[in-house]
Amino acid sequence: MTGRRDQRGSATLLVLAMAGVLILLGAALAVVTAMVAAHRTAQSAADLAALAGARGVAQGRDGCAVATGVAEANRAALTLCAVSGGEVRVEVEVTGPRWWGQSADLRARSRAGPAP
């Protein structure tokens, strides 16, 4: 005998450990992907709301009312709207992912109007 210890089952433990690491990495990537997607949704909603609000102002309508409707149609809540001349500034909020204790919602701002 060579005095080697019995190593049966060690590969199983290694595979289980590596699978756990891969599952943890996959979950972390899913959270990051959901955060990026929610932020893109918020920025798109803000841009569209600002553009629609500026167009509404140019047509003689209430820019903030138009912007609110567009933001809601894009699954966002309008949290700030300011009209100054033909310029409309908006801020929207989108519900962020609720994984791993994440509770913050995502915000985005945009402005639209005539060139300065």
Protein backbone atom coordinates (compact mmCIF):
# COMPACT_ATOMS: atom_id res chain seq x y z
CA MET A 1 0.00 0.00 0.00
CA THR A 2 1.12 3.50 -0.77
CA GLY A 3 -0.64 5.24 2.10
CA ARG A 4 -2.96 7.25 -0.13
CA ARG A 5 -6.16 8.39 1.46
CA ASP A 6 -9.46 7.37 -0.01
CA GLN A 7 -10.60 10.23 -2.30
CA ARG A 8 -13.87 8.79 -3.47
CA GLY A 9 -16.59 11.48 -3.54
CA SER A 10 -14.22 14.45 -3.72
CA ALA A 11 -15.22 15.16 -7.32
CA THR A 12 -18.87 15.28 -6.25
CA LEU A 13 -18.10 17.93 -3.66
CA LEU A 14 -16.12 19.94 -6.20
CA VAL A 15 -18.96 19.77 -8.73
CA LEU A 16 -21.51 20.85 -6.08
CA ALA A 17 -19.33 23.77 -5.02
CA MET A 18 -18.82 24.91 -8.61
CA ALA A 19 -22.56 24.56 -9.33
CA GLY A 20 -23.31 26.76 -6.31
CA VAL A 21 -20.88 29.41 -7.55
CA LEU A 22 -22.44 29.33 -11.03
CA ILE A 23 -25.95 29.65 -9.61
CA LEU A 24 -24.88 32.61 -7.47
CA LEU A 25 -23.21 34.26 -10.47
CA GLY A 26 -26.28 33.68 -12.63
CA ALA A 27 -28.56 35.22 -10.00
CA ALA A 28 -26.30 38.27 -9.69
CA LEU A 29 -26.28 38.73 -13.46
CA ALA A 30 -30.07 38.46 -13.54
CA VAL A 31 -30.36 41.25 -10.96
CA VAL A 32 -27.97 43.49 -12.89
CA THR A 33 -29.82 42.78 -16.14
CA ALA A 34 -33.16 43.64 -14.53
CA MET A 35 -31.73 46.91 -13.15
CA VAL A 36 -30.37 47.92 -16.56
CA ALA A 37 -33.66 47.06 -18.28
CA ALA A 38 -35.65 49.08 -15.72
CA HIS A 39 -33.33 52.05 -16.13
CA ARG A 40 -33.68 51.89 -19.92
CA THR A 41 -37.46 51.79 -19.51
CA ALA A 42 -37.33 54.85 -17.25
CA GLN A 43 -35.11 56.82 -19.62
CA SER A 44 -37.25 55.94 -22.64
CA ALA A 45 -40.41 56.96 -20.79
CA ALA A 46 -38.80 60.26 -19.72
CA ASP A 47 -37.63 61.05 -23.25
CA LEU A 48 -41.00 60.24 -24.79
CA ALA A 49 -42.90 62.19 -22.12
CA ALA A 50 -40.70 65.26 -22.60
CA LEU A 51 -41.08 65.14 -26.38
CA ALA A 52 -44.84 64.69 -26.17
CA GLY A 53 -45.10 67.50 -23.61
CA ALA A 54 -43.11 69.88 -25.79
CA ARG A 55 -45.26 69.03 -28.78
CA GLY A 56 -48.36 69.58 -26.69
CA VAL A 57 -47.10 73.01 -25.62
CA ALA A 58 -46.38 73.88 -29.25
CA GLN A 59 -49.97 72.92 -30.11
CA GLY A 60 -51.37 75.07 -27.29
CA ARG A 61 -52.21 72.22 -24.91
CA ASP A 62 -51.09 71.54 -21.33
CA GLY A 63 -47.64 70.00 -21.76
CA CYS A 64 -47.62 68.34 -18.33
CA ALA A 65 -50.98 66.65 -18.92
CA VAL A 66 -49.73 65.26 -22.23
CA ALA A 67 -46.44 64.16 -20.63
CA THR A 68 -48.30 62.42 -17.80
CA GLY A 69 -50.38 60.39 -20.25
CA VAL A 70 -47.34 59.32 -22.24
CA ALA A 71 -45.38 58.41 -19.10
CA GLU A 72 -48.26 56.28 -17.80
CA ALA A 73 -48.60 54.58 -21.19
CA ASN A 74 -44.94 53.58 -20.83
CA ARG A 75 -45.39 52.11 -17.30
CA ALA A 76 -43.80 55.08 -15.54
CA ALA A 77 -45.01 57.67 -13.06
CA LEU A 78 -44.36 61.33 -13.77
CA THR A 79 -42.79 62.80 -10.61
CA LEU A 80 -41.78 66.22 -11.92
CA CYS A 81 -42.94 68.38 -14.80
CA ALA A 82 -41.91 71.96 -15.50
CA VAL A 83 -42.86 74.05 -18.51
CA SER A 84 -40.80 77.12 -19.31
CA GLY A 85 -41.72 78.77 -22.58
CA GLY A 86 -41.72 75.95 -25.09
CA GLU A 87 -39.36 73.78 -23.04
CA VAL A 88 -40.64 70.86 -20.98
CA ARG A 89 -38.55 69.17 -18.28
CA VAL A 90 -39.77 65.90 -16.80
CA GLU A 91 -38.70 63.30 -14.30
CA VAL A 92 -40.25 59.84 -14.22
CA GLU A 93 -40.03 56.90 -11.85
CA VAL A 94 -40.20 53.21 -12.71
CA THR A 95 -40.53 50.39 -10.22
CA GLY A 96 -37.17 48.67 -9.87
CA PRO A 97 -36.60 44.95 -9.39
CA ARG A 98 -37.37 43.69 -5.90
CA TRP A 99 -34.68 41.02 -5.57
CA TRP A 100 -32.18 40.58 -2.75
CA GLY A 101 -33.53 43.45 -0.69
CA GLN A 102 -33.45 45.97 -3.53
CA SER A 103 -36.24 48.43 -2.83
CA ALA A 104 -35.29 51.58 -4.73
CA ASP A 105 -37.23 52.71 -7.75
CA LEU A 106 -35.38 54.05 -10.76
CA ARG A 107 -35.68 57.65 -11.93
CA ALA A 108 -34.81 59.37 -15.17
CA ARG A 109 -34.93 62.98 -16.35
CA SER A 110 -35.32 64.53 -19.76
CA ARG A 111 -36.01 67.84 -21.45
CA ALA A 112 -37.43 68.73 -24.82
CA GLY A 113 -38.26 71.92 -26.60
CA PRO A 114 -36.87 74.38 -29.07
CA ALA A 115 -33.12 74.67 -29.38
CA PRO A 116 -31.62 77.26 -27.03
